[in-house]
PDB file of N, CA and C in Angstrom:
ATOM      1  N   UNK A   1     176.797 164.628 134.737  1.00  0.00           N
ATOM      2  CA  UNK A   1     175.487 163.836 134.515  1.00  0.00           C
ATOM      3  C   UNK A   1     174.602 163.402 135.560  1.00  0.00           C
ATOM      4  N   UNK A   2     173.323 163.795 135.725  1.00  0.00           N
ATOM      5  CA  UNK A   2     172.213 163.651 136.714  1.00  0.00           C
ATOM      6  C   UNK A   2     172.092 162.070 137.552  1.00  0.00           C
ATOM      7  N   UNK A   3     171.602 161.852 138.180  1.00  0.00           N
ATOM      8  CA  UNK A   3     171.395 160.483 138.849  1.00  0.00           C
ATOM      9  C   UNK A   3     170.333 159.691 137.595  1.00  0.00           C
ATOM     10  N   UNK A   4     169.662 160.928 137.786  1.00  0.00           N
ATOM     11  CA  UNK A   4     168.108 160.335 136.588  1.00  0.00           C
ATOM     12  C   UNK A   4     168.812 160.097 135.389  1.00  0.00           C
ATOM     13  N   UNK A   5     169.477 160.534 134.562  1.00  0.00           N
ATOM     14  CA  UNK A   5     170.492 160.485 133.333  1.00  0.00           C
ATOM     15  C   UNK A   5     171.076 159.254 133.641  1.00  0.00           C
ATOM     16  N   UNK A   6     171.894 158.885 134.824  1.00  0.00           N
ATOM     17  CA  UNK A   6     172.790 157.788 134.892  1.00  0.00           C
ATOM     18  C   UNK A   6     170.952 156.659 134.875  1.00  0.00           C
ATOM     19  N   UNK A   7     170.518 156.389 135.370  1.00  0.00           N
ATOM     20  CA  UNK A   7     169.531 155.292 135.682  1.00  0.00           C
ATOM     21  C   UNK A   7     169.138 155.444 134.036  1.00  0.00           C
ATOM     22  N   UNK A   8     169.114 156.321 133.499  1.00  0.00           N
ATOM     23  CA  UNK A   8     168.199 155.908 132.051  1.00  0.00           C
ATOM     24  C   UNK A   8     169.450 155.476 130.795  1.00  0.00           C
ATOM     25  N   UNK A   9     170.849 155.664 131.529  1.00  0.00           N
ATOM     26  CA  UNK A   9     171.818 155.236 130.576  1.00  0.00           C
ATOM     27  C   UNK A   9     171.955 153.677 130.621  1.00  0.00           C
ATOM     28  N   UNK A  10     171.738 153.465 131.763  1.00  0.00           N
ATOM     29  CA  UNK A  10     172.257 152.343 132.522  1.00  0.00           C
ATOM     30  C   UNK A  10     170.570 150.787 132.232  1.00  0.00           C
ATOM     31  N   UNK A  11     169.657 151.614 131.446  1.00  0.00           N
ATOM     32  CA  UNK A  11     168.242 150.917 130.910  1.00  0.00           C
ATOM     33  C   UNK A  11     168.896 151.010 129.531  1.00  0.00           C
ATOM     34  N   UNK A  12     169.405 151.639 129.173  1.00  0.00           N
ATOM     35  CA  UNK A  12     169.731 151.676 127.455  1.00  0.00           C
ATOM     36  C   UNK A  12     170.575 150.598 127.336  1.00  0.00           C
ATOM     37  N   UNK A  13     171.733 150.484 128.123  1.00  0.00           N
ATOM     38  CA  UNK A  13     172.629 149.607 127.863  1.00  0.00           C
ATOM     39  C   UNK A  13     172.622 148.411 128.207  1.00  0.00           C
ATOM     40  N   UNK A  14     171.169 148.461 128.908  1.00  0.00           N
ATOM     41  CA  UNK A  14     171.036 147.062 129.295  1.00  0.00           C
ATOM     42  C   UNK A  14     172.253 146.156 130.386  1.00  0.00           C
ATOM     43  N   UNK A  15     172.504 147.493 131.398  1.00  0.00           N
ATOM     44  CA  UNK A  15     173.021 147.041 132.454  1.00  0.00           C
ATOM     45  C   UNK A  15     172.593 145.717 133.198  1.00  0.00           C
ATOM     46  N   UNK A  16     173.656 144.851 133.946  1.00  0.00           N
ATOM     47  CA  UNK A  16     172.959 144.087 134.713  1.00  0.00           C
ATOM     48  C   UNK A  16     172.650 143.776 136.151  1.00  0.00           C
ATOM     49  N   UNK A  17     172.723 144.995 136.738  1.00  0.00           N
ATOM     50  CA  UNK A  17     172.551 145.001 137.919  1.00  0.00           C
ATOM     51  C   UNK A  17     171.202 145.884 138.409  1.00  0.00           C
ATOM     52  N   UNK A  18     170.508 145.886 137.595  1.00  0.00           N
ATOM     53  CA  UNK A  18     169.092 147.064 137.632  1.00  0.00           C
ATOM     54  C   UNK A  18     168.157 146.419 138.906  1.00  0.00           C
ATOM     55  N   UNK A  19     167.744 147.232 139.891  1.00  0.00           N
ATOM     56  CA  UNK A  19     166.605 146.635 140.439  1.00  0.00           C
ATOM     57  C   UNK A  19     165.607 147.381 140.566  1.00  0.00           C
ATOM     58  N   UNK A  20     164.243 146.552 141.098  1.00  0.00           N
ATOM     59  CA  UNK A  20     163.141 146.973 140.616  1.00  0.00           C
ATOM     60  C   UNK A  20     162.618 148.396 140.934  1.00  0.00           C
ATOM     61  N   UNK A  21     162.793 148.665 142.218  1.00  0.00           N
ATOM     62  CA  UNK A  21     162.362 149.827 142.652  1.00  0.00           C
ATOM     63  C   UNK A  21     162.833 150.938 141.931  1.00  0.00           C
ATOM     64  N   UNK A  22     164.102 150.486 141.155  1.00  0.00           N
ATOM     65  CA  UNK A  22     164.488 151.617 139.693  1.00  0.00           C
ATOM     66  C   UNK A  22     163.742 151.495 138.920  1.00  0.00           C
ATOM     67  N   UNK A  23     163.453 150.503 138.062  1.00  0.00           N
ATOM     68  CA  UNK A  23     163.122 149.730 136.874  1.00  0.00           C
ATOM     69  C   UNK A  23     161.506 150.814 137.365  1.00  0.00           C
ATOM     70  N   UNK A  24     160.388 150.506 138.343  1.00  0.00           N
ATOM     71  CA  UNK A  24     159.496 150.592 139.068  1.00  0.00           C
ATOM     72  C   UNK A  24     159.479 152.517 138.702  1.00  0.00           C
ATOM     73  N   UNK A  25     160.028 153.222 139.340  1.00  0.00           N
ATOM     74  CA  UNK A  25     160.801 154.903 138.922  1.00  0.00           C
ATOM     75  C   UNK A  25     160.610 155.501 137.799  1.00  0.00           C
ATOM     76  N   UNK A  26     161.354 154.372 136.670  1.00  0.00           N
ATOM     77  CA  UNK A  26     161.518 155.204 135.689  1.00  0.00           C
ATOM     78  C   UNK A  26     159.474 154.861 134.630  1.00  0.00           C
ATOM     79  N   UNK A  27     159.082 153.760 135.008  1.00  0.00           N
ATOM     80  CA  UNK A  27     157.234 153.513 134.487  1.00  0.00           C
ATOM     81  C   UNK A  27     157.235 154.419 134.836  1.00  0.00           C
ATOM     82  N   UNK A  28     156.767 154.614 136.418  1.00  0.00           N
ATOM     83  CA  UNK A  28     156.052 155.795 136.889  1.00  0.00           C
ATOM     84  C   UNK A  28     156.452 156.775 135.992  1.00  0.00           C
ATOM     85  N   UNK A  29     157.363 157.682 136.127  1.00  0.00           N
ATOM     86  CA  UNK A  29     157.822 158.557 135.525  1.00  0.00           C
ATOM     87  C   UNK A  29     156.967 159.011 133.894  1.00  0.00           C
ATOM     88  N   UNK A  30     156.864 157.590 133.158  1.00  0.00           N
ATOM     89  CA  UNK A  30     156.472 157.384 132.116  1.00  0.00           C
ATOM     90  C   UNK A  30     154.950 157.985 131.523  1.00  0.00           C
ATOM     91  N   UNK A  31     154.431 157.389 132.840  1.00  0.00           N
ATOM     92  CA  UNK A  31     152.825 157.694 133.404  1.00  0.00           C
ATOM     93  C   UNK A  31     152.076 156.147 133.256  1.00  0.00           C
ATOM     94  N   UNK A  32     153.291 155.465 133.575  1.00  0.00           N
ATOM     95  CA  UNK A  32     152.499 154.232 133.929  1.00  0.00           C
ATOM     96  C   UNK A  32     152.359 153.828 135.429  1.00  0.00           C
ATOM     97  N   UNK A  33     150.809 152.813 135.939  1.00  0.00           N
ATOM     98  CA  UNK A  33     150.112 152.753 136.736  1.00  0.00           C
ATOM     99  C   UNK A  33     150.715 151.421 136.977  1.00  0.00           C
ATOM    100  N   UNK A  34     151.277 150.874 138.419  1.00  0.00           N
ATOM    101  CA  UNK A  34     151.644 149.764 139.137  1.00  0.00           C
ATOM    102  C   UNK A  34     150.374 148.884 139.524  1.00  0.00           C
ATOM    103  N   UNK A  35     150.335 148.008 139.469  1.00  0.00           N
ATOM    104  CA  UNK A  35     149.283 147.091 139.906  1.00  0.00           C
ATOM    105  C   UNK A  35     150.120 145.586 140.554  1.00  0.00           C
ATOM    106  N   UNK A  36     149.566 145.877 141.656  1.00  0.00           N
ATOM    107  CA  UNK A  36     150.531 144.676 143.022  1.00  0.00           C
ATOM    108  C   UNK A  36     150.022 143.155 142.196  1.00  0.00           C
ATOM    109  N   UNK A  37     150.893 142.787 142.123  1.00  0.00           N
ATOM    110  CA  UNK A  37     150.197 140.855 142.613  1.00  0.00           C
ATOM    111  C   UNK A  37     149.566 140.683 143.220  1.00  0.00           C
ATOM    112  N   UNK A  38     148.635 139.377 142.989  1.00  0.00           N
ATOM    113  CA  UNK A  38     147.989 138.705 143.860  1.00  0.00           C
ATOM    114  C   UNK A  38     147.792 137.640 143.768  1.00  0.00           C
ATOM    115  N   UNK A  39     147.919 137.016 145.027  1.00  0.00           N
ATOM    116  CA  UNK A  39     147.838 135.456 145.525  1.00  0.00           C
ATOM    117  C   UNK A  39     149.083 135.201 145.452  1.00  0.00           C
ATOM    118  N   UNK A  40     149.929 135.698 145.988  1.00  0.00           N
ATOM    119  CA  UNK A  40     151.552 135.410 146.062  1.00  0.00           C
ATOM    120  C   UNK A  40     152.161 135.156 144.718  1.00  0.00           C
ATOM    121  N   UNK A  41     151.958 136.112 144.092  1.00  0.00           N
ATOM    122  CA  UNK A  41     152.557 136.097 142.562  1.00  0.00           C
ATOM    123  C   UNK A  41     153.667 137.560 142.744  1.00  0.00           C
ATOM    124  N   UNK A  42     155.244 137.070 142.258  1.00  0.00           N
ATOM    125  CA  UNK A  42     155.262 138.221 142.404  1.00  0.00           C
ATOM    126  C   UNK A  42     155.592 138.961 140.769  1.00  0.00           C
ATOM    127  N   UNK A  43     154.910 138.880 139.896  1.00  0.00           N
ATOM    128  CA  UNK A  43     154.789 140.270 138.491  1.00  0.00           C
ATOM    129  C   UNK A  43     154.128 141.021 139.030  1.00  0.00           C
ATOM    130  N   UNK A  44     154.796 141.960 138.699  1.00  0.00           N
ATOM    131  CA  UNK A  44     153.578 143.053 138.812  1.00  0.00           C
ATOM    132  C   UNK A  44     153.580 143.485 137.457  1.00  0.00           C
ATOM    133  N   UNK A  45     152.486 144.606 136.898  1.00  0.00           N
ATOM    134  CA  UNK A  45     152.088 144.521 135.599  1.00  0.00           C
ATOM    135  C   UNK A  45     152.089 146.451 135.723  1.00  0.00           C
ATOM    136  N   UNK A  46     152.291 146.683 134.941  1.00  0.00           N
ATOM    137  CA  UNK A  46     152.269 148.469 134.394  1.00  0.00           C
ATOM    138  C   UNK A  46     152.069 148.678 133.024  1.00  0.00           C
ATOM    139  N   UNK A  47     150.951 150.214 133.893  1.00  0.00           N
ATOM    140  CA  UNK A  47     149.945 149.995 132.700  1.00  0.00           C
ATOM    141  C   UNK A  47     149.605 151.284 131.995  1.00  0.00           C
ATOM    142  N   UNK A  48     149.547 151.118 131.117  1.00  0.00           N
ATOM    143  CA  UNK A  48     149.163 152.925 130.646  1.00  0.00           C
ATOM    144  C   UNK A  48     148.515 153.193 129.429  1.00  0.00           C
ATOM    145  N   UNK A  49     147.390 153.991 129.074  1.00  0.00           N
ATOM    146  CA  UNK A  49     146.434 154.273 128.008  1.00  0.00           C
ATOM    147  C   UNK A  49     146.973 154.510 127.184  1.00  0.00           C
ATOM    148  N   UNK A  50     146.542 153.136 125.949  1.00  0.00           N
ATOM    149  CA  UNK A  50     147.126 153.644 124.825  1.00  0.00           C
ATOM    150  C   UNK A  50     147.715 152.395 124.783  1.00  0.00           C
ATOM    151  N   UNK A  51     148.685 151.936 125.719  1.00  0.00           N
ATOM    152  CA  UNK A  51     149.923 150.953 125.496  1.00  0.00           C
ATOM    153  C   UNK A  51     149.353 149.412 126.044  1.00  0.00           C
ATOM    154  N   UNK A  52     150.575 148.398 125.415  1.00  0.00           N
ATOM    155  CA  UNK A  52     149.953 147.169 125.994  1.00  0.00           C
ATOM    156  C   UNK A  52     151.162 147.221 127.142  1.00  0.00           C
ATOM    157  N   UNK A  53     150.429 146.739 128.311  1.00  0.00           N
ATOM    158  CA  UNK A  53     150.791 146.191 129.232  1.00  0.00           C
ATOM    159  C   UNK A  53     152.010 146.114 129.402  1.00  0.00           C
ATOM    160  N   UNK A  54     153.056 145.873 130.691  1.00  0.00           N
ATOM    161  CA  UNK A  54     154.125 145.619 130.685  1.00  0.00           C
ATOM    162  C   UNK A  54     153.990 144.587 132.086  1.00  0.00           C
ATOM    163  N   UNK A  55     154.075 143.373 132.018  1.00  0.00           N
ATOM    164  CA  UNK A  55     154.442 142.153 133.625  1.00  0.00           C
ATOM    165  C   UNK A  55     156.303 142.249 133.483  1.00  0.00           C
ATOM    166  N   UNK A  56     156.441 142.717 135.170  1.00  0.00           N
ATOM    167  CA  UNK A  56     157.774 142.029 134.982  1.00  0.00           C
ATOM    168  C   UNK A  56     157.499 141.253 136.441  1.00  0.00           C
ATOM    169  N   UNK A  57     158.545 140.217 136.714  1.00  0.00           N
ATOM    170  CA  UNK A  57     158.910 139.842 138.117  1.00  0.00           C
ATOM    171  C   UNK A  57     159.664 140.608 139.133  1.00  0.00           C
ATOM    172  N   UNK A  58     158.942 140.475 140.545  1.00  0.00           N
ATOM    173  CA  UNK A  58     160.248 141.159 141.298  1.00  0.00           C
ATOM    174  C   UNK A  58     161.335 140.497 141.862  1.00  0.00           C
ATOM    175  N   UNK A  59     162.244 140.368 141.206  1.00  0.00           N
ATOM    176  CA  UNK A  59     163.368 139.566 141.294  1.00  0.00           C
ATOM    177  C   UNK A  59     164.707 140.555 141.367  1.00  0.00           C
ATOM    178  N   UNK A  60     165.932 140.750 142.253  1.00  0.00           N
ATOM    179  CA  UNK A  60     166.984 141.191 141.350  1.00  0.00           C
ATOM    180  C   UNK A  60     168.158 140.375 141.283  1.00  0.00           C
ATOM    181  N   UNK A  61     168.628 140.800 139.772  1.00  0.00           N
ATOM    182  CA  UNK A  61     168.857 142.061 139.455  1.00  0.00           C
ATOM    183  C   UNK A  61     167.610 141.371 138.886  1.00  0.00           C
ATOM    184  N   UNK A  62     166.960 142.761 137.722  1.00  0.00           N
ATOM    185  CA  UNK A  62     166.280 142.516 136.931  1.00  0.00           C
ATOM    186  C   UNK A  62     166.851 141.456 135.425  1.00  0.00           C
ATOM    187  N   UNK A  63     165.973 140.684 134.490  1.00  0.00           N
ATOM    188  CA  UNK A  63     166.648 139.988 133.638  1.00  0.00           C
ATOM    189  C   UNK A  63     167.014 140.739 132.465  1.00  0.00           C
ATOM    190  N   UNK A  64     167.519 140.467 131.656  1.00  0.00           N
ATOM    191  CA  UNK A  64     168.119 141.084 130.833  1.00  0.00           C
ATOM    192  C   UNK A  64     166.726 141.115 129.935  1.00  0.00           C
ATOM    193  N   UNK A  65     165.959 140.078 129.741  1.00  0.00           N
ATOM    194  CA  UNK A  65     164.933 140.408 128.596  1.00  0.00           C
ATOM    195  C   UNK A  65     163.673 141.368 129.017  1.00  0.00           C
ATOM    196  N   UNK A  66     163.877 141.840 130.150  1.00  0.00           N
ATOM    197  CA  UNK A  66     162.447 142.658 130.772  1.00  0.00           C
ATOM    198  C   UNK A  66     163.442 144.105 130.262  1.00  0.00           C
ATOM    199  N   UNK A  67     164.445 144.345 130.555  1.00  0.00           N
ATOM    200  CA  UNK A  67     165.043 144.842 130.575  1.00  0.00           C
ATOM    201  C   UNK A  67     164.808 146.025 129.232  1.00  0.00           C
ATOM    202  N   UNK A  68     164.863 144.503 128.155  1.00  0.00           N
ATOM    203  CA  UNK A  68     164.698 145.500 126.731  1.00  0.00           C
ATOM    204  C   UNK A  68     163.494 145.108 126.158  1.00  0.00           C
ATOM    205  N   UNK A  69     162.570 145.119 126.678  1.00  0.00           N
ATOM    206  CA  UNK A  69     161.211 145.278 126.893  1.00  0.00           C
ATOM    207  C   UNK A  69     160.656 147.172 127.461  1.00  0.00           C
ATOM    208  N   UNK A  70     160.820 147.302 128.341  1.00  0.00           N
ATOM    209  CA  UNK A  70     161.525 148.964 129.244  1.00  0.00           C
ATOM    210  C   UNK A  70     162.195 149.658 128.388  1.00  0.00           C
ATOM    211  N   UNK A  71     163.125 148.975 127.819  1.00  0.00           N
ATOM    212  CA  UNK A  71     163.669 149.954 126.740  1.00  0.00           C
ATOM    213  C   UNK A  71     162.970 150.080 125.497  1.00  0.00           C
ATOM    214  N   UNK A  72     162.582 149.297 125.043  1.00  0.00           N
ATOM    215  CA  UNK A  72     161.628 149.583 123.651  1.00  0.00           C
ATOM    216  C   UNK A  72     161.102 150.510 124.007  1.00  0.00           C
ATOM    217  N   UNK A  73     159.780 150.745 125.020  1.00  0.00           N
ATOM    218  CA  UNK A  73     158.691 151.450 125.861  1.00  0.00           C
ATOM    219  C   UNK A  73     160.239 152.945 125.601  1.00  0.00           C
ATOM    220  N   UNK A  74     161.049 153.082 125.942  1.00  0.00           N
ATOM    221  CA  UNK A  74     161.232 154.089 126.794  1.00  0.00           C
ATOM    222  C   UNK A  74     162.263 155.026 124.965  1.00  0.00           C
ATOM    223  N   UNK A  75     162.493 153.745 123.885  1.00  0.00           N
ATOM    224  CA  UNK A  75     162.719 153.993 122.661  1.00  0.00           C
ATOM    225  C   UNK A  75     161.834 155.083 122.108  1.00  0.00           C
ATOM    226  N   UNK A  76     160.183 154.164 122.066  1.00  0.00           N
ATOM    227  CA  UNK A  76     159.264 154.691 120.760  1.00  0.00           C
ATOM    228  C   UNK A  76     158.343 155.552 121.980  1.00  0.00           C
ATOM    229  N   UNK A  77     158.618 156.045 123.254  1.00  0.00           N
ATOM    230  CA  UNK A  77     157.770 157.042 123.994  1.00  0.00           C
ATOM    231  C   UNK A  77     158.896 158.576 123.397  1.00  0.00           C
ATOM    232  N   UNK A  78     159.890 158.465 123.458  1.00  0.00           N
ATOM    233  CA  UNK A  78     161.150 158.916 123.146  1.00  0.00           C
ATOM    234  C   UNK A  78     160.855 159.729 121.186  1.00  0.00           C
ATOM    235  N   UNK A  79     160.274 158.602 120.552  1.00  0.00           N
ATOM    236  CA  UNK A  79     160.007 158.760 119.495  1.00  0.00           C
ATOM    237  C   UNK A  79     158.588 159.712 119.348  1.00  0.00           C
ATOM    238  N   UNK A  80     157.706 159.110 120.588  1.00  0.00           N
ATOM    239  CA  UNK A  80     156.782 160.073 120.357  1.00  0.00           C
ATOM    240  C   UNK A  80     156.686 161.635 120.596  1.00  0.00           C
ATOM    241  N   UNK A  81     157.483 161.621 121.312  1.00  0.00           N
ATOM    242  CA  UNK A  81     157.742 163.422 121.799  1.00  0.00           C
ATOM    243  C   UNK A  81     158.271 164.297 120.982  1.00  0.00           C
ATOM    244  N   UNK A  82     159.230 163.430 120.118  1.00  0.00           N
ATOM    245  CA  UNK A  82     160.250 164.021 118.954  1.00  0.00           C
ATOM    246  C   UNK A  82     158.968 164.556 118.156  1.00  0.00           C
ATOM    247  N   UNK A  83     158.137 163.397 117.890  1.00  0.00           N
ATOM    248  CA  UNK A  83     156.964 163.451 116.283  1.00  0.00           C
ATOM    249  C   UNK A  83     156.068 164.441 116.988  1.00  0.00           C
ATOM    250  N   UNK A  84     155.756 165.001 117.974  1.00  0.00           N
ATOM    251  CA  UNK A  84     154.835 166.124 118.715  1.00  0.00           C
ATOM    252  C   UNK A  84     155.715 167.345 118.561  1.00  0.00           C
TER     253      UNK A  84
END
């Protein structure tokens, strides 16, 4: 199993030790662009054309509620790939 597969597996199982950089790498690979916060905020916004934005605070580790949002994105992206 490759590092990428292990990382995706950790997302789908809602691992409680994921780091922000790992989440960022996954979302960017799915075509999301990151917008850095302004004014001292720790919340980063990930945007992709045709999809609602995802806002995630840069805290270590990433909380489960945000991992559930990311997992939903990955599952919807996977479903679209299967349909095309």
